[in-house]
Every structure is written in structure tokens, then in C-alpha cells.
Protein backbone atom coordinates (compact mmCIF):
# COMPACT_ATOMS: atom_id res chain seq x y z
CA MET A 1 16.53 12.49 7.83
CA ASN A 2 17.85 9.26 7.75
CA TYR A 3 18.08 7.53 4.25
CA ARG A 4 18.47 4.13 3.08
CA SER A 5 19.57 3.08 -0.47
CA ASP A 6 17.49 1.99 -3.35
CA LYS A 7 18.74 -1.31 -5.50
CA TYR A 8 21.19 0.92 -7.40
CA GLY A 9 22.73 2.84 -4.09
CA ASN A 10 20.71 6.26 -4.29
CA LYS A 11 19.54 7.38 -1.23
CA ILE A 12 15.76 7.97 -0.45
CA SER A 13 14.60 9.52 2.79
CA ILE A 14 12.83 7.03 4.91
CA LEU A 15 9.84 9.25 5.03
CA GLY A 16 8.37 9.98 1.65
CA TYR A 17 5.75 12.27 1.04
CA GLY A 18 2.15 10.65 -0.32
CA CYS A 19 0.53 12.91 -2.26
CA MET A 20 -3.24 11.46 -2.22
CA ARG A 21 -4.57 13.27 0.52
CA PHE A 22 -3.92 17.14 -0.25
CA THR A 23 -5.97 19.43 1.27
CA THR A 24 -9.06 20.55 -0.64
CA LYS A 25 -10.83 23.45 -1.02
CA GLY A 26 -14.11 24.01 -2.84
CA GLY A 27 -13.24 20.39 -4.66
CA LYS A 28 -9.76 21.47 -5.46
CA ILE A 29 -6.50 20.85 -3.99
CA ASP A 30 -5.89 24.06 -1.90
CA LEU A 31 -2.36 24.60 -3.91
CA ASN A 32 -0.60 27.27 -1.66
CA LYS A 33 -1.26 24.81 1.43
CA ALA A 34 0.01 21.73 -0.21
CA GLU A 35 3.40 23.94 -1.45
CA LYS A 36 3.87 25.22 2.34
CA GLU A 37 3.59 21.65 3.30
CA ILE A 38 5.95 20.08 0.50
CA MET A 39 8.63 22.80 0.98
CA GLU A 40 8.68 22.24 4.87
CA ALA A 41 9.41 18.21 4.22
CA TYR A 42 11.71 19.50 1.22
CA ASN A 43 13.75 21.53 3.72
CA LEU A 44 13.77 18.95 6.34
CA GLY A 45 15.04 16.43 4.33
CA VAL A 46 11.97 14.40 2.74
CA ASN A 47 13.28 13.42 -1.09
CA TYR A 48 10.50 10.97 -2.20
CA TYR A 49 7.13 12.34 -3.25
CA ASP A 50 4.36 9.45 -4.44
CA THR A 51 1.57 10.26 -6.39
CA ALA A 52 -0.53 8.50 -9.38
CA TYR A 53 -2.57 8.79 -12.29
CA VAL A 54 -6.03 8.63 -10.50
CA TYR A 55 -5.44 10.87 -7.82
CA PRO A 56 -7.59 13.78 -8.62
CA GLY A 57 -5.47 16.69 -9.43
CA SER A 58 -2.55 15.36 -7.56
CA GLU A 59 0.10 15.05 -10.30
CA VAL A 60 -0.74 18.60 -11.40
CA ALA A 61 -0.08 19.74 -8.26
CA LEU A 62 2.88 18.17 -7.45
CA GLY A 63 4.41 19.19 -10.88
CA LYS A 64 3.59 22.96 -10.54
CA ILE A 65 4.81 22.87 -7.07
CA LEU A 66 8.08 21.86 -7.89
CA GLU A 67 8.76 23.87 -10.87
CA LYS A 68 7.59 26.95 -9.28
CA ASN A 69 10.49 26.41 -6.57
CA ASN A 70 12.98 25.06 -8.87
CA ILE A 71 13.55 21.25 -7.12
CA ARG A 72 12.64 19.41 -9.56
CA GLU A 73 16.13 17.58 -10.17
CA LYS A 74 16.73 17.79 -6.26
CA VAL A 75 13.63 15.25 -5.67
CA ASN A 76 12.27 11.79 -6.30
CA ILE A 77 9.04 11.70 -8.14
CA ALA A 78 7.07 8.04 -8.06
CA THR A 79 4.08 7.76 -10.12
CA LYS A 80 1.59 5.02 -11.37
CA LEU A 81 0.67 3.87 -14.82
CA PRO A 82 -2.93 3.27 -14.50
CA HIS A 83 -3.13 -0.32 -16.43
CA TYR A 84 -6.60 -0.97 -15.58
CA LEU A 85 -7.79 1.51 -18.09
CA ILE A 86 -5.65 0.58 -20.79
CA LYS A 87 -6.91 -1.54 -23.56
CA LYS A 88 -4.49 -1.74 -26.40
CA GLU A 89 -1.10 -0.92 -26.62
CA ASP A 90 -0.52 2.60 -27.67
CA SER A 91 -2.49 3.60 -24.62
CA ILE A 92 0.48 2.94 -22.51
CA GLU A 93 2.38 5.57 -24.05
CA LYS A 94 -0.68 8.31 -24.21
CA TYR A 95 -1.01 8.02 -20.49
CA PHE A 96 3.11 8.15 -19.62
CA GLU A 97 2.99 11.40 -21.92
CA GLU A 98 0.13 12.57 -20.22
CA GLN A 99 1.57 11.95 -16.76
CA LEU A 100 4.86 14.19 -17.91
CA SER A 101 3.25 16.78 -18.98
CA ARG A 102 0.71 17.01 -15.43
CA LEU A 103 4.19 16.76 -13.51
CA LYS A 104 5.92 18.99 -15.66
CA THR A 105 9.21 16.77 -16.34
CA ASN A 106 10.69 14.51 -19.03
CA TYR A 107 11.56 11.70 -16.77
CA ILE A 108 10.14 9.59 -13.72
CA ASP A 109 12.55 8.47 -10.96
CA TYR A 110 10.03 5.74 -9.62
CA TYR A 111 7.48 4.08 -11.94
CA LEU A 112 4.68 1.49 -10.88
CA MET A 113 2.24 -0.58 -12.17
CA HIS A 114 -0.64 0.58 -9.99
CA MET A 115 -2.43 -1.99 -8.20
CA LEU A 116 -0.93 -4.91 -9.65
CA THR A 117 -2.90 -7.81 -8.84
CA ASP A 118 -2.33 -11.22 -9.91
CA ILE A 119 -0.03 -12.48 -12.53
CA LYS A 120 -2.95 -12.91 -15.18
CA THR A 121 -3.09 -9.19 -14.87
CA TRP A 122 0.53 -8.78 -15.62
CA GLU A 123 0.52 -11.52 -18.36
CA ARG A 124 -2.29 -9.07 -19.71
CA LEU A 125 -0.04 -6.07 -19.89
CA LYS A 126 3.09 -8.41 -21.32
CA SER A 127 0.80 -8.98 -24.03
CA LEU A 128 0.25 -5.53 -24.79
CA GLY A 129 3.89 -5.14 -24.95
CA ILE A 130 4.57 -3.60 -21.85
CA GLU A 131 8.37 -5.25 -21.10
CA ASN A 132 9.61 -3.89 -24.47
CA TRP A 133 8.13 -0.61 -23.63
CA LEU A 134 9.47 -0.10 -20.22
CA ASP A 135 13.03 -1.62 -21.89
CA GLU A 136 12.67 1.56 -24.09
CA LYS A 137 12.14 3.89 -21.31
CA LYS A 138 14.90 2.61 -19.10
CA LYS A 139 17.18 2.87 -21.93
CA SER A 140 15.82 6.40 -22.89
CA GLY A 141 16.15 7.81 -19.00
CA GLN A 142 12.56 8.64 -19.33
CA ILE A 143 11.93 5.95 -16.36
CA LYS A 144 14.87 5.19 -14.15
CA GLN A 145 13.26 2.47 -12.01
CA VAL A 146 10.12 0.33 -12.28
CA GLY A 147 8.15 -1.15 -9.46
CA PHE A 148 4.48 -2.01 -8.85
CA SER A 149 2.37 -1.37 -5.78
CA TYR A 150 0.08 -4.57 -4.39
CA HIS A 151 -2.70 -4.96 -2.49
CA GLY A 152 -3.67 -8.71 -1.72
CA ASN A 153 -2.38 -11.88 -0.42
CA SER A 154 1.53 -12.73 0.49
CA ASP A 155 1.69 -15.86 -1.94
CA MET A 156 0.59 -14.19 -5.06
CA PHE A 157 2.72 -11.08 -3.87
CA CYS A 158 6.06 -13.29 -3.92
CA LYS A 159 4.72 -14.51 -7.41
CA LEU A 160 4.65 -11.31 -8.94
CA ILE A 161 7.84 -10.37 -7.74
CA ASP A 162 9.44 -13.59 -9.19
CA ALA A 163 7.52 -12.89 -12.62
CA TYR A 164 9.90 -9.34 -13.57
CA ASP A 165 13.11 -7.80 -12.83
CA TRP A 166 11.63 -5.55 -10.62
CA ASP A 167 13.84 -2.39 -9.08
CA PHE A 168 11.72 -2.09 -6.40
CA CYS A 169 7.65 -2.55 -5.13
CA GLN A 170 5.18 -0.93 -2.66
CA ILE A 171 3.26 -2.85 -0.32
CA GLN A 172 0.29 -1.82 2.71
CA TYR A 173 2.19 -2.58 5.86
CA ASN A 174 2.07 -1.47 9.75
CA TYR A 175 1.97 -3.06 13.18
CA LEU A 176 -1.88 -4.48 12.61
CA ASP A 177 -1.12 -5.70 9.06
CA GLU A 178 1.73 -7.64 10.12
CA ASN A 179 0.29 -10.67 8.78
CA SER A 180 -2.31 -9.64 6.50
CA GLN A 181 -2.22 -8.56 2.81
CA ALA A 182 1.72 -8.88 1.68
CA GLY A 183 2.86 -8.95 4.97
CA ARG A 184 5.97 -9.45 6.67
CA LYS A 185 6.33 -12.49 4.41
CA GLY A 186 6.52 -10.59 1.49
CA LEU A 187 8.32 -7.75 2.89
CA LEU A 188 11.48 -10.51 3.70
CA TYR A 189 10.69 -12.36 0.25
CA ALA A 190 11.64 -8.86 -1.70
CA ALA A 191 14.37 -8.04 0.86
CA SER A 192 15.82 -11.42 0.01
CA LYS A 193 15.41 -10.62 -3.86
CA ASN A 194 17.41 -7.39 -3.22
CA ILE A 195 14.06 -5.75 -4.10
CA PRO A 196 13.68 -2.13 -2.09
CA VAL A 197 10.11 -2.18 -0.43
CA ILE A 198 7.95 1.47 -0.29
CA ILE A 199 5.59 1.30 2.38
CA MET A 200 1.86 2.59 2.55
CA GLU A 201 -0.81 3.12 4.76
CA PRO A 202 1.37 3.00 7.74
CA LEU A 203 -1.26 4.57 9.93
CA ARG A 204 -3.87 2.23 7.92
CA GLY A 205 -5.87 5.32 6.63
CA GLY A 206 -5.51 7.15 9.83
CA ARG A 207 -7.13 4.48 11.80
CA LEU A 208 -3.91 3.55 14.06
CA VAL A 209 -3.82 7.19 15.31
CA ASN A 210 -7.78 8.72 14.88
CA SER A 211 -9.81 5.39 15.86
CA LEU A 212 -7.88 3.58 18.22
CA PRO A 213 -10.35 1.88 21.13
CA ILE A 214 -10.09 3.56 24.47
CA ASP A 215 -8.04 0.81 26.00
CA ALA A 216 -5.45 0.66 23.27
CA LYS A 217 -4.83 4.53 23.84
CA LYS A 218 -4.63 3.83 27.56
CA GLU A 219 -1.98 1.59 26.82
CA PHE A 220 0.14 4.41 25.17
CA GLU A 221 -0.76 6.67 27.62
CA GLU A 222 0.42 4.60 30.51
CA TYR A 223 3.91 3.43 28.80
CA PRO A 224 7.19 5.22 30.28
CA ILE A 225 8.30 6.23 26.77
CA LYS A 226 5.83 9.31 25.73
CA ARG A 227 4.86 9.07 22.22
CA SER A 228 2.03 9.90 19.98
CA PRO A 229 0.34 6.76 18.42
CA ALA A 230 1.52 7.69 14.89
CA GLU A 231 5.50 8.02 16.26
CA TRP A 232 4.59 4.32 17.70
CA ALA A 233 3.71 3.27 14.00
CA PHE A 234 6.54 4.81 12.16
CA ARG A 235 9.25 3.45 14.86
CA TRP A 236 7.72 -0.14 14.36
CA LEU A 237 8.51 0.18 10.65
CA TRP A 238 12.01 2.12 10.81
CA ASN A 239 12.74 -0.72 13.29
CA GLN A 240 13.21 -2.91 10.43
CA LYS A 241 16.09 -3.28 7.78
CA GLU A 242 13.82 -4.39 5.09
CA VAL A 243 11.91 -1.20 4.89
CA THR A 244 13.30 1.33 2.52
CA CYS A 245 10.63 4.07 2.68
CA VAL A 246 7.55 4.65 4.39
CA LEU A 247 4.77 6.85 2.91
CA SER A 248 2.74 9.73 4.87
CA GLY A 249 -0.32 11.60 3.26
CA MET A 250 0.93 14.69 5.38
CA ASN A 251 -1.44 17.50 5.18
CA SER A 252 -0.25 20.20 7.88
CA ILE A 253 2.78 21.46 8.70
CA GLU A 254 2.74 19.96 12.57
CA MET A 255 2.37 16.82 10.92
CA VAL A 256 5.57 17.30 8.25
CA ARG A 257 7.51 18.65 11.60
CA GLU A 258 6.35 15.60 13.98
CA ASN A 259 7.43 12.96 11.26
CA THR A 260 10.63 14.46 9.91
CA LYS A 261 11.65 14.72 13.45
CA THR A 262 11.06 10.59 14.22
CA ALA A 263 12.54 10.04 10.78
CA SER A 264 15.85 11.94 12.06
CA GLU A 265 16.00 9.77 15.06
CA VAL A 266 14.96 6.03 15.10
CA GLN A 267 17.66 3.49 14.21
CA ILE A 268 17.32 -0.04 12.97
CA GLY A 269 17.02 -2.83 15.43
CA GLU A 270 16.32 0.12 18.06
CA PHE A 271 13.13 -1.46 19.34
CA THR A 272 13.23 -2.99 22.60
CA GLU A 273 11.12 -6.13 23.68
CA LYS A 274 8.95 -4.45 26.30
CA GLU A 275 8.17 -2.05 22.89
CA ASN A 276 7.11 -4.76 21.08
CA GLU A 277 5.11 -6.05 23.56
CA LEU A 278 2.92 -2.80 23.77
CA LEU A 279 2.55 -3.09 20.35
CA LYS A 280 1.20 -6.44 20.73
CA ASN A 281 -1.32 -5.26 23.58
CA VAL A 282 -2.37 -2.53 20.97
CA VAL A 283 -3.07 -4.93 18.41
CA ASP A 284 -4.83 -7.34 20.71
CA LYS A 285 -6.96 -4.27 22.25
CA ILE A 286 -7.95 -3.29 18.20
CA ASN A 287 -8.73 -6.92 17.45
CA SER A 288 -11.04 -7.47 20.43
CA LYS A 289 -13.83 -6.68 17.89
CA MET A 290 -12.96 -8.89 15.38
CA LYS A 291 -15.29 -11.58 14.09
CA VAL A 292 -13.48 -14.13 13.12
CA GLY A 293 -9.83 -15.17 14.87
CA CYS A 294 -7.59 -15.55 11.66
CA THR A 295 -4.34 -14.61 11.95
CA GLY A 296 -3.66 -14.41 8.69
CA CYS A 297 -1.01 -17.65 9.02
CA ARG A 298 -2.33 -19.28 5.90
CA TYR A 299 -2.49 -22.91 6.43
CA CYS A 300 -5.77 -22.77 4.83
CA MET A 301 -4.29 -22.04 1.80
CA PRO A 302 -4.27 -22.88 -1.19
CA CYS A 303 -8.18 -22.87 -1.84
CA PRO A 304 -9.01 -25.53 -4.87
CA ASN A 305 -11.66 -22.82 -5.79
CA ASN A 306 -9.34 -19.66 -5.29
CA VAL A 307 -10.90 -18.19 -2.35
CA ASP A 308 -9.01 -15.97 -0.55
CA ILE A 309 -9.58 -17.09 2.91
CA PRO A 310 -7.24 -15.24 4.88
CA GLY A 311 -7.88 -11.88 2.62
CA THR A 312 -12.07 -12.23 3.17
CA PHE A 313 -11.51 -12.34 6.54
CA SER A 314 -9.21 -9.65 7.00
CA ALA A 315 -11.87 -7.49 5.23
CA TYR A 316 -14.76 -8.84 7.12
CA ASN A 317 -12.96 -8.19 10.60
CA LYS A 318 -12.15 -4.49 9.05
CA LYS A 319 -15.94 -3.68 8.64
CA TYR A 320 -15.96 -3.94 12.53
CA SER A 321 -12.89 -2.26 13.58
CA ASP A 322 -12.54 0.57 10.44
CA GLY A 323 -15.70 0.54 9.19
CA LYS A 324 -18.08 -0.63 6.21
CA TYR A 325 -16.18 1.78 3.37
CA THR A 326 -12.74 0.03 4.73
CA ALA A 327 -13.94 -3.30 4.54
CA LEU A 328 -15.78 -3.23 1.47
CA LYS A 329 -12.56 -1.35 -0.41
CA GLU A 330 -10.12 -3.91 0.76
CA TYR A 331 -12.70 -6.59 -0.37
CA PHE A 332 -13.03 -5.66 -3.39
CA MET A 333 -9.42 -4.94 -4.08
CA CYS A 334 -8.46 -8.33 -3.20
CA THR A 335 -10.94 -10.34 -4.81
CA ALA A 336 -12.52 -8.80 -7.65
CA MET A 337 -9.52 -6.64 -9.16
CA ARG A 338 -8.29 -9.44 -10.89
CA LYS A 339 -8.78 -11.89 -13.65
CA ASP A 340 -9.94 -14.82 -11.69
CA SER A 341 -12.27 -13.79 -8.95
CA SER A 342 -11.05 -14.95 -5.62
CA ALA A 343 -14.46 -14.40 -3.83
CA ALA A 344 -16.06 -15.99 -0.49
CA SER A 345 -19.03 -16.86 -3.19
CA ASN A 346 -16.86 -19.30 -4.76
CA CYS A 347 -16.39 -21.78 -1.65
CA ILE A 348 -18.05 -25.07 -2.72
CA GLU A 349 -17.96 -25.94 1.04
CA CYS A 350 -15.34 -28.79 0.54
CA GLY A 351 -13.92 -28.36 3.91
CA LYS A 352 -10.10 -28.85 3.08
CA CYS A 353 -9.25 -25.70 4.58
CA GLU A 354 -10.64 -26.49 7.97
CA THR A 355 -8.36 -29.43 8.46
CA HIS A 356 -5.44 -27.46 8.16
CA CYS A 357 -6.72 -24.63 10.55
CA PRO A 358 -4.24 -24.09 13.86
CA GLN A 359 -7.36 -21.80 15.27
CA HIS A 360 -9.82 -24.48 13.98
CA ILE A 361 -12.20 -22.05 12.73
CA LYS A 362 -15.00 -23.00 11.07
CA ILE A 363 -14.24 -21.49 7.70
CA ARG A 364 -17.02 -22.66 5.55
CA LYS A 365 -19.78 -21.02 8.29
CA GLU A 366 -17.69 -17.73 8.26
CA LEU A 367 -16.93 -17.57 4.77
CA LYS A 368 -20.96 -17.63 4.31
CA ASN A 369 -21.25 -15.13 7.34
CA ALA A 370 -18.69 -12.95 5.16
CA ARG A 371 -20.06 -13.36 1.96
CA LYS A 372 -23.34 -11.90 3.06
CA GLU A 373 -21.87 -8.79 4.58
CA LEU A 374 -19.36 -7.96 2.00
CA GLU A 375 -20.77 -9.34 -1.48
CA THR A 376 -23.10 -6.37 -1.47
CA PRO A 377 -25.29 -5.23 -4.35
CA ILE A 378 -22.78 -2.61 -5.31
CA TYR A 379 -19.99 -5.10 -5.07
CA LYS A 380 -21.47 -7.39 -7.79
CA ILE A 381 -22.53 -4.40 -10.09
CA ALA A 382 -18.86 -3.20 -9.81
CA ARG A 383 -17.47 -6.62 -10.34
CA LYS A 384 -19.62 -7.43 -13.31
CA ILE A 385 -18.37 -3.84 -15.07
CA ILE A 386 -14.76 -5.15 -14.05
CA SER A 387 -15.33 -8.04 -16.22
CA MET A 388 -17.18 -6.19 -18.71
CA PHE A 389 -14.75 -3.52 -19.57
CA LYS A 390 -11.82 -5.78 -18.36
CA PHE A 391 -10.21 -3.00 -16.05
CA TYR A 392 -7.52 -5.83 -15.45
């Protein structure tokens, strides 16, 4: 297993265990199966285990497994505060104590603000005393390091990076999302501030393995070096020195063994030009179904009416490449889960964006199309509920 250092020189396995997708049986986590998989990963060198308050049964399962095998002190636990459920100051402590109980521990190694969406959301948390609370927890040793996980555009991500003295952060990043969400821009910005970056969705929820177009699979099959699609995706990430740890929701022993083998072999900067060209060709094949030819360059931003144009087009394209559920989920997180909506429906058709678009996209027209398909009745109801209960 290869390891990289966090902000304070502690060694983190470059492969982390994502605990959101444990196998379930009868509606509950199959604890025996999960234990075998976690212990296999542990024995092969994985020392970073990521969970969250809102992952059903995950914290409890992880706590039981680590306690039973007496390895709590030998691994790092990362879990997340569900700040969107918090309405008053004392709720922060309530949720944290519940998490400690679930995880059967008295401290958390890496504690994240879960799905921190924008500066206004962080300002709301500050008004509830989150900074003083975090300072006290760090001084007491109950929290070792503080970070945040993020879904959204690179501009807001960079603003959040500068909003607090973070110890680490977590972003969605893979060879298909290189220029969407926080993207490479966000990765490099965090690294420039000496903030380690944890990667989630390296396989786009399995999309880069299980749902590749036939012609994209053919690119891999015909390449002289034989690797699985998953291995190609992981190697692309680990090739970059700015990537600290990559999470994988492993739910089979075979998956654990394949991923740990790759994580023990890779070296920074080993990717060749031909290998980069291969992945570029694969991306082109995947994107051939795109509705809008947006590259995520962000020259159209900022929008005077706060429309997240690249984020909207990314979700719109995903409806045709990844499916309706994935698209609606991304659109909701990137436009509705924040203080000020950045939805396509904010567009007043001023046309400013189109004067800056290198691809000469008819942005106003495409935003209308995207709005029709993404701002469904369910989306509108959910956004109203978010607004009413202030889950941000």
C-alpha cells in the first residue's frame, strides 16, 4: 500500500474505504460480509474509513467492526456533521455525541461538514457558533482534523477553501469530471493552500465501470496494456500528486484485492502521453451523447442572476449519459441545496454569458431546455421544503 501525508505529516493510505455502499440483506447492512471486506482492506494496508451520519446504518456497522477486531486506534475514521439538519447551537453537540456513540469511540480523526454548499451556508453555521465549537473539540482531542465535503462549482469551492483554516477537504473528481464540479481547478487551488484533498466518486458511482458505452470499452480492450476500467480510473487519479486519498465503496473481497493491488503499485507521474490520450478518447466516447457541448471552462460565469450555467449543463448532460436519477440528484445539490438558488429558472435571458462562450453555445436556449427536464415537480417541491425548514 502506498501512503501520502495529510497536513500534519500523518500517513494516509491512498485508497480509502467508502462506507456508504455496504451490502444490505433484508433492508439492513450485512454485518458479517462488511466485516470480512473491511478486515481484508485493513490487512492489505487501508487505514482511512469514510462514513456519515446520514448513511443508513453505516456508522453503527463501522463502529461494531472496529471494536470487535480491536483496531480502532490503528485506523482513521472520517465522518460528517449533518449541518443541514441543525437549527440551533446545542444540536451540534447532540449530533456529535450520537456519532461517537454509534462509532464506539471517543474521538474522530477527520470530521467533515457534510455537503457544504456555499459561503452563506458556512456563515449560518458560524452564527450558530461552529467555529468556537470546533476549536474546543480540537483542543480536547475529540476531533483531530476538520474539513468539508463539497458538490458544486469550482468558484464557490475556492471561496469556501478561503473561509476557514481547514485541515482537509473532499470533492467529487474523476477523469470524466475533470472540468466540472470543483474539478482540477479546485484540486490545484486546495493543494496550493496545503490542504489535502480526499476524492469521492472516482468511478462516478460505478458509471465508469458498469455503464461505459461499447465503443469506450473497446478503447480499453484494444490498448496494449490490459487493465480494468476501474484500474484506469484509479491510476489517473493517483498519478496526480495533489490527490491525497481516493475513496472506494468496495463491497466484495475481489474489489478490495484489485483496488489495494493497484494502490500498492502506482507512482506519481507515471502516466504516459499515450495513456492520457486513451482516457481522452474514452471521455469523447462517453460525451458523444451530450446534449450541450459545455467543457466547464466557466468563461460564461459569473451570471448576473446567479445561474450555475456549467453545473446546469453538467446535470443536463448526465441525464443522457448516466440516467435521470443521477442528473436530478446532481442538479438538486448544485442549485437547490444552498441559501440562494442557482437554478436555470433564474435566467432572465440577458445574453451576457453567450458573448463569452468559446464554444458559441446558445446558452439561453439550452438553459430553457435544461430547466424543462430538470426542474420537475419533485424538484420544485423539494426546493420548497428546503426553503421552509432551512436545511442549509
